[in-house]
């Protein structure tokens, strides 16, 4: 008996590799000066004392450094994927993404771009040229 089309489509989508905190960790820890910290039961990644990635306690959402002046356009481009940070964090250069909505390539781009915002200007080009 053939499966319904919608079940097959759902299965294909589920087979797509979902990004996990371990995937993000592998990228973040490969970047110079980046380290992991546990703050109030939440995983965060920093350069110095500056946080550039932070996870919700359930690890389904990832906040990341992003220019405030470009934030609304990013969220409007895909509101199912990107969301505004909580009101207390609106003053920061910050956006939140649903990990289930991105693939590894997009995750890597978000992580590296967030890291570039906080690392000293000479560090990023030296690392990315390698």
N, C-alpha and C. Protein backbone atom coordinates (compact mmCIF):
# COMPACT_ATOMS: atom_id res chain seq x y z
N UNK A 1 0.84 -1.18 0.00
CA UNK A 1 0.00 0.00 0.00
C UNK A 1 0.89 1.24 0.00
N UNK A 2 0.74 2.15 -0.99
CA UNK A 2 1.60 3.33 -1.06
C UNK A 2 1.30 4.31 0.08
N UNK A 3 2.35 4.99 0.50
CA UNK A 3 2.20 6.00 1.54
C UNK A 3 1.59 7.27 0.95
N UNK A 4 0.84 8.00 1.77
CA UNK A 4 0.32 9.29 1.29
C UNK A 4 1.48 10.24 0.97
N UNK A 5 1.26 11.12 0.02
CA UNK A 5 2.30 12.05 -0.43
C UNK A 5 2.78 12.93 0.71
N UNK A 6 1.85 13.44 1.52
CA UNK A 6 2.26 14.35 2.58
C UNK A 6 3.16 13.64 3.60
N UNK A 7 2.94 12.36 3.88
CA UNK A 7 3.81 11.63 4.81
C UNK A 7 5.20 11.49 4.22
N UNK A 8 5.27 11.22 2.92
CA UNK A 8 6.57 11.09 2.27
C UNK A 8 7.32 12.41 2.29
N UNK A 9 6.61 13.50 2.04
CA UNK A 9 7.24 14.82 2.06
C UNK A 9 7.71 15.15 3.47
N UNK A 10 6.89 14.87 4.45
CA UNK A 10 7.27 15.13 5.83
C UNK A 10 8.50 14.30 6.19
N UNK A 11 8.53 13.06 5.75
CA UNK A 11 9.67 12.20 6.01
C UNK A 11 10.94 12.75 5.39
N UNK A 12 10.83 13.27 4.17
CA UNK A 12 12.00 13.85 3.50
C UNK A 12 12.50 15.06 4.27
N UNK A 13 11.57 15.88 4.75
CA UNK A 13 11.97 17.06 5.51
C UNK A 13 12.63 16.66 6.83
N UNK A 14 12.11 15.61 7.45
CA UNK A 14 12.67 15.16 8.72
C UNK A 14 14.05 14.54 8.52
N UNK A 15 14.29 13.96 7.34
CA UNK A 15 15.59 13.36 7.05
C UNK A 15 16.66 14.42 6.90
N UNK A 16 16.23 15.64 6.54
CA UNK A 16 17.18 16.74 6.43
C UNK A 16 17.87 16.90 7.78
N UNK A 17 19.13 17.00 7.76
CA UNK A 17 19.91 17.10 8.98
C UNK A 17 19.54 18.36 9.76
N UNK A 18 18.95 18.16 10.93
CA UNK A 18 18.60 19.30 11.76
C UNK A 18 19.84 19.78 12.50
N UNK A 19 20.02 21.06 12.57
CA UNK A 19 21.17 21.64 13.26
C UNK A 19 20.98 21.48 14.77
N UNK A 20 22.03 21.05 15.43
CA UNK A 20 21.99 20.88 16.89
C UNK A 20 23.02 21.80 17.54
N UNK A 21 22.94 21.89 18.84
CA UNK A 21 23.92 22.67 19.57
C UNK A 21 25.33 22.11 19.37
N UNK A 22 25.45 20.81 19.20
CA UNK A 22 26.77 20.21 18.96
C UNK A 22 27.35 20.64 17.62
N UNK A 23 26.48 20.82 16.60
CA UNK A 23 26.94 21.33 15.31
C UNK A 23 27.47 22.75 15.46
N UNK A 24 26.73 23.56 16.19
CA UNK A 24 27.14 24.95 16.43
C UNK A 24 28.43 24.97 17.23
N UNK A 25 28.51 24.15 18.25
CA UNK A 25 29.70 24.08 19.11
C UNK A 25 30.95 23.78 18.27
N UNK A 26 30.84 22.84 17.35
CA UNK A 26 31.99 22.48 16.52
C UNK A 26 32.49 23.67 15.71
N UNK A 27 31.57 24.45 15.18
CA UNK A 27 31.97 25.63 14.40
C UNK A 27 32.53 26.71 15.33
N UNK A 28 31.79 27.03 16.38
CA UNK A 28 32.18 28.12 17.27
C UNK A 28 33.55 27.88 17.91
N UNK A 29 33.80 26.66 18.36
CA UNK A 29 35.06 26.38 19.02
C UNK A 29 36.24 26.29 18.06
N UNK A 30 35.95 26.23 16.76
CA UNK A 30 37.04 26.25 15.77
C UNK A 30 37.51 27.67 15.46
N UNK A 31 36.79 28.66 15.96
CA UNK A 31 37.12 30.06 15.68
C UNK A 31 38.08 30.61 16.73
N UNK A 32 39.09 31.36 16.29
CA UNK A 32 40.06 31.92 17.24
C UNK A 32 39.39 32.76 18.32
N UNK A 33 39.88 32.59 19.53
CA UNK A 33 39.46 33.36 20.71
C UNK A 33 38.05 33.03 21.20
N UNK A 34 37.38 32.10 20.56
CA UNK A 34 36.02 31.74 20.95
C UNK A 34 36.06 30.66 22.01
N UNK A 35 35.19 30.80 23.02
CA UNK A 35 35.10 29.77 24.04
C UNK A 35 33.67 29.65 24.53
N UNK A 36 33.38 28.52 25.13
CA UNK A 36 32.03 28.22 25.62
C UNK A 36 31.94 28.53 27.10
N UNK A 37 30.76 29.04 27.50
CA UNK A 37 30.51 29.31 28.92
C UNK A 37 29.09 28.85 29.25
N UNK A 38 28.90 28.41 30.45
CA UNK A 38 27.57 28.04 30.93
C UNK A 38 27.15 29.12 31.93
N UNK A 39 26.08 29.85 31.60
CA UNK A 39 25.60 30.94 32.43
C UNK A 39 24.13 30.70 32.74
N UNK A 40 23.82 30.50 34.02
CA UNK A 40 22.44 30.22 34.45
C UNK A 40 21.81 29.10 33.62
N UNK A 41 22.53 28.02 33.48
CA UNK A 41 22.07 26.83 32.74
C UNK A 41 21.86 27.09 31.25
N UNK A 42 22.49 28.11 30.70
CA UNK A 42 22.39 28.38 29.26
C UNK A 42 23.79 28.39 28.66
N UNK A 43 23.91 27.72 27.51
CA UNK A 43 25.20 27.68 26.81
C UNK A 43 25.36 28.97 26.02
N UNK A 44 26.53 29.58 26.19
CA UNK A 44 26.86 30.81 25.47
C UNK A 44 28.28 30.68 24.92
N UNK A 45 28.51 31.38 23.82
CA UNK A 45 29.85 31.42 23.24
C UNK A 45 30.31 32.86 23.26
N UNK A 46 31.57 33.04 23.64
CA UNK A 46 32.12 34.38 23.84
C UNK A 46 33.46 34.54 23.15
N UNK A 47 33.78 35.80 22.94
CA UNK A 47 35.13 36.24 22.62
C UNK A 47 35.44 37.26 23.70
N UNK A 48 36.43 36.97 24.52
CA UNK A 48 36.66 37.82 25.69
C UNK A 48 35.43 37.72 26.58
N UNK A 49 34.87 38.86 26.94
CA UNK A 49 33.67 38.87 27.78
C UNK A 49 32.40 39.10 26.96
N UNK A 50 32.55 39.23 25.66
CA UNK A 50 31.41 39.54 24.79
C UNK A 50 30.76 38.26 24.28
N UNK A 51 29.46 38.14 24.53
CA UNK A 51 28.69 36.98 24.07
C UNK A 51 28.28 37.23 22.62
N UNK A 52 28.52 36.25 21.76
CA UNK A 52 28.08 36.38 20.38
C UNK A 52 27.09 35.30 19.96
N UNK A 53 26.94 34.25 20.77
CA UNK A 53 25.92 33.22 20.57
C UNK A 53 25.38 32.82 21.93
N UNK A 54 24.07 32.58 22.00
CA UNK A 54 23.48 32.10 23.24
C UNK A 54 22.28 31.22 22.91
N UNK A 55 22.13 30.14 23.66
CA UNK A 55 21.05 29.19 23.41
C UNK A 55 19.98 29.29 24.47
N UNK A 56 18.75 29.04 24.06
CA UNK A 56 17.66 28.88 25.02
C UNK A 56 17.95 27.63 25.84
N UNK A 57 17.36 27.53 27.00
CA UNK A 57 17.62 26.36 27.85
C UNK A 57 17.25 25.05 27.15
N UNK A 58 16.20 25.08 26.31
CA UNK A 58 15.81 23.85 25.61
C UNK A 58 16.61 23.62 24.32
N UNK A 59 17.52 24.54 24.01
CA UNK A 59 18.44 24.45 22.86
C UNK A 59 17.74 24.43 21.51
N UNK A 60 16.52 24.96 21.43
CA UNK A 60 15.81 25.04 20.15
C UNK A 60 15.99 26.40 19.49
N UNK A 61 16.38 27.39 20.27
CA UNK A 61 16.58 28.75 19.76
C UNK A 61 18.02 29.17 20.02
N UNK A 62 18.57 29.92 19.06
CA UNK A 62 19.92 30.45 19.21
C UNK A 62 19.89 31.94 18.95
N UNK A 63 20.30 32.72 19.94
CA UNK A 63 20.50 34.15 19.74
C UNK A 63 21.88 34.36 19.19
N UNK A 64 22.01 35.36 18.32
CA UNK A 64 23.33 35.61 17.74
C UNK A 64 23.53 37.08 17.47
N UNK A 65 24.78 37.51 17.52
CA UNK A 65 25.13 38.91 17.25
C UNK A 65 24.76 39.24 15.81
N UNK A 66 24.08 40.38 15.65
CA UNK A 66 23.64 40.81 14.34
C UNK A 66 23.38 42.31 14.40
N UNK A 67 23.73 43.06 13.35
CA UNK A 67 23.55 44.52 13.39
C UNK A 67 22.10 44.92 13.63
N UNK A 68 21.89 45.80 14.61
CA UNK A 68 20.53 46.27 14.93
C UNK A 68 19.85 46.91 13.74
N UNK A 69 20.59 47.67 12.95
CA UNK A 69 19.97 48.39 11.83
C UNK A 69 19.54 47.46 10.68
N UNK A 70 19.96 46.21 10.70
CA UNK A 70 19.56 45.24 9.67
C UNK A 70 18.59 44.18 10.22
N UNK A 71 18.32 44.24 11.50
CA UNK A 71 17.53 43.21 12.18
C UNK A 71 16.12 43.08 11.62
N UNK A 72 15.39 44.18 11.48
CA UNK A 72 14.01 44.11 11.00
C UNK A 72 13.92 43.52 9.60
N UNK A 73 14.86 43.86 8.74
CA UNK A 73 14.86 43.32 7.37
C UNK A 73 15.11 41.81 7.39
N UNK A 74 16.02 41.35 8.24
CA UNK A 74 16.28 39.92 8.33
C UNK A 74 15.04 39.17 8.80
N UNK A 75 14.41 39.66 9.83
CA UNK A 75 13.23 39.00 10.37
C UNK A 75 12.09 39.02 9.36
N UNK A 76 11.91 40.14 8.68
CA UNK A 76 10.86 40.24 7.66
C UNK A 76 11.12 39.29 6.49
N UNK A 77 12.38 39.00 6.21
CA UNK A 77 12.71 38.11 5.10
C UNK A 77 12.25 36.68 5.34
N UNK A 78 12.17 36.26 6.62
CA UNK A 78 11.73 34.91 6.94
C UNK A 78 11.29 34.84 8.41
N UNK A 79 10.08 35.33 8.70
CA UNK A 79 9.62 35.38 10.10
C UNK A 79 9.37 34.01 10.73
N UNK A 80 9.33 32.96 9.94
CA UNK A 80 9.21 31.62 10.51
C UNK A 80 10.56 31.12 11.02
N UNK A 81 11.62 31.73 10.54
CA UNK A 81 12.97 31.33 10.90
C UNK A 81 13.58 32.25 11.95
N UNK A 82 13.46 33.56 11.73
CA UNK A 82 14.10 34.55 12.60
C UNK A 82 13.06 35.27 13.44
N UNK A 83 13.41 35.55 14.69
CA UNK A 83 12.51 36.28 15.57
C UNK A 83 13.28 37.35 16.34
N UNK A 84 12.54 38.36 16.79
CA UNK A 84 13.13 39.43 17.59
C UNK A 84 13.57 38.86 18.93
N UNK A 85 14.61 39.44 19.48
CA UNK A 85 14.99 39.03 20.84
C UNK A 85 13.94 39.53 21.83
N UNK A 86 14.01 39.03 23.05
CA UNK A 86 13.06 39.50 24.06
C UNK A 86 13.28 41.00 24.28
N UNK A 87 12.25 41.71 24.75
CA UNK A 87 12.34 43.17 24.88
C UNK A 87 13.58 43.67 25.62
N UNK A 88 14.02 42.97 26.65
CA UNK A 88 15.20 43.41 27.40
C UNK A 88 16.47 43.37 26.56
N UNK A 89 16.48 42.58 25.48
CA UNK A 89 17.67 42.46 24.63
C UNK A 89 17.60 43.28 23.35
N UNK A 90 16.55 44.05 23.16
CA UNK A 90 16.42 44.84 21.93
C UNK A 90 17.50 45.90 21.80
N UNK A 91 18.08 46.32 22.90
CA UNK A 91 19.14 47.35 22.84
C UNK A 91 20.45 46.81 22.28
N UNK A 92 20.57 45.49 22.26
CA UNK A 92 21.80 44.85 21.77
C UNK A 92 21.72 44.53 20.28
N UNK A 93 22.88 44.31 19.68
CA UNK A 93 22.95 43.81 18.30
C UNK A 93 22.65 42.32 18.37
N UNK A 94 21.37 41.95 18.25
CA UNK A 94 20.98 40.58 18.55
C UNK A 94 19.73 40.19 17.77
N UNK A 95 19.69 38.93 17.31
CA UNK A 95 18.53 38.32 16.65
C UNK A 95 18.47 36.87 17.14
N UNK A 96 17.32 36.24 17.02
CA UNK A 96 17.14 34.86 17.43
C UNK A 96 16.70 34.04 16.23
N UNK A 97 17.21 32.81 16.12
CA UNK A 97 16.85 31.90 15.03
C UNK A 97 16.37 30.58 15.62
N UNK A 98 15.41 29.97 14.93
CA UNK A 98 14.95 28.63 15.29
C UNK A 98 15.90 27.63 14.63
N UNK A 99 16.59 26.82 15.42
CA UNK A 99 17.57 25.89 14.87
C UNK A 99 16.94 24.89 13.90
N UNK A 100 15.71 24.51 14.14
CA UNK A 100 15.05 23.53 13.26
C UNK A 100 14.79 24.11 11.87
N UNK A 101 14.89 25.42 11.73
CA UNK A 101 14.58 26.07 10.46
C UNK A 101 15.80 26.34 9.59
N UNK A 102 16.99 26.01 10.07
CA UNK A 102 18.20 26.29 9.28
C UNK A 102 18.98 25.00 9.02
N UNK A 103 19.78 25.05 7.96
CA UNK A 103 20.65 23.91 7.66
C UNK A 103 22.07 24.25 8.13
N UNK A 104 22.97 23.29 7.98
CA UNK A 104 24.33 23.49 8.48
C UNK A 104 25.06 24.63 7.79
N UNK A 105 24.85 24.80 6.52
CA UNK A 105 25.52 25.88 5.79
C UNK A 105 25.08 27.25 6.31
N UNK A 106 23.78 27.42 6.50
CA UNK A 106 23.28 28.70 7.02
C UNK A 106 23.74 28.90 8.46
N UNK A 107 23.74 27.84 9.25
CA UNK A 107 24.21 27.95 10.63
C UNK A 107 25.65 28.42 10.66
N UNK A 108 26.48 27.82 9.83
CA UNK A 108 27.90 28.20 9.78
C UNK A 108 28.05 29.69 9.43
N UNK A 109 27.27 30.15 8.46
CA UNK A 109 27.33 31.56 8.07
C UNK A 109 26.91 32.48 9.22
N UNK A 110 25.83 32.13 9.91
CA UNK A 110 25.36 32.95 11.04
C UNK A 110 26.40 32.98 12.16
N UNK A 111 26.99 31.84 12.48
CA UNK A 111 27.97 31.75 13.56
C UNK A 111 29.21 32.57 13.21
N UNK A 112 29.74 32.40 12.01
CA UNK A 112 30.96 33.11 11.63
C UNK A 112 30.70 34.61 11.55
N UNK A 113 29.57 35.03 11.00
CA UNK A 113 29.26 36.46 10.93
C UNK A 113 29.11 37.06 12.33
N UNK A 114 28.47 36.33 13.25
CA UNK A 114 28.32 36.82 14.62
C UNK A 114 29.68 36.94 15.29
N UNK A 115 30.54 35.94 15.09
CA UNK A 115 31.89 35.97 15.64
C UNK A 115 32.68 37.16 15.09
N UNK A 116 32.54 37.42 13.81
CA UNK A 116 33.26 38.54 13.18
C UNK A 116 32.87 39.88 13.79
N UNK A 117 31.64 39.98 14.29
CA UNK A 117 31.20 41.23 14.91
C UNK A 117 31.93 41.53 16.22
N UNK A 118 32.42 40.51 16.90
CA UNK A 118 32.98 40.72 18.23
C UNK A 118 34.48 40.49 18.33
N UNK A 119 35.05 39.82 17.37
CA UNK A 119 36.49 39.55 17.41
C UNK A 119 37.25 40.80 16.93
N UNK A 120 38.46 41.02 17.43
CA UNK A 120 39.24 42.15 16.93
C UNK A 120 39.36 42.12 15.40
N UNK A 121 39.30 43.27 14.79
CA UNK A 121 39.23 43.40 13.32
C UNK A 121 40.35 42.65 12.58
N UNK A 122 41.51 42.57 13.13
CA UNK A 122 42.62 41.90 12.43
C UNK A 122 42.55 40.38 12.52
N UNK A 123 41.79 39.85 13.48
CA UNK A 123 41.74 38.41 13.71
C UNK A 123 40.91 37.69 12.64
N UNK A 124 39.76 38.24 12.32
CA UNK A 124 38.85 37.56 11.36
C UNK A 124 39.50 37.37 10.00
N UNK A 125 40.06 38.40 9.37
CA UNK A 125 40.65 38.17 8.05
C UNK A 125 41.80 37.16 8.08
N UNK A 126 42.60 37.18 9.12
CA UNK A 126 43.72 36.23 9.22
C UNK A 126 43.19 34.80 9.30
N UNK A 127 42.12 34.58 10.04
CA UNK A 127 41.56 33.24 10.19
C UNK A 127 40.83 32.80 8.92
N UNK A 128 40.05 33.69 8.34
CA UNK A 128 39.22 33.33 7.20
C UNK A 128 40.03 33.17 5.92
N UNK A 129 41.24 33.74 5.90
CA UNK A 129 42.09 33.58 4.72
C UNK A 129 42.80 32.22 4.72
N UNK A 130 42.84 31.55 5.88
CA UNK A 130 43.51 30.25 5.99
C UNK A 130 42.81 29.20 5.15
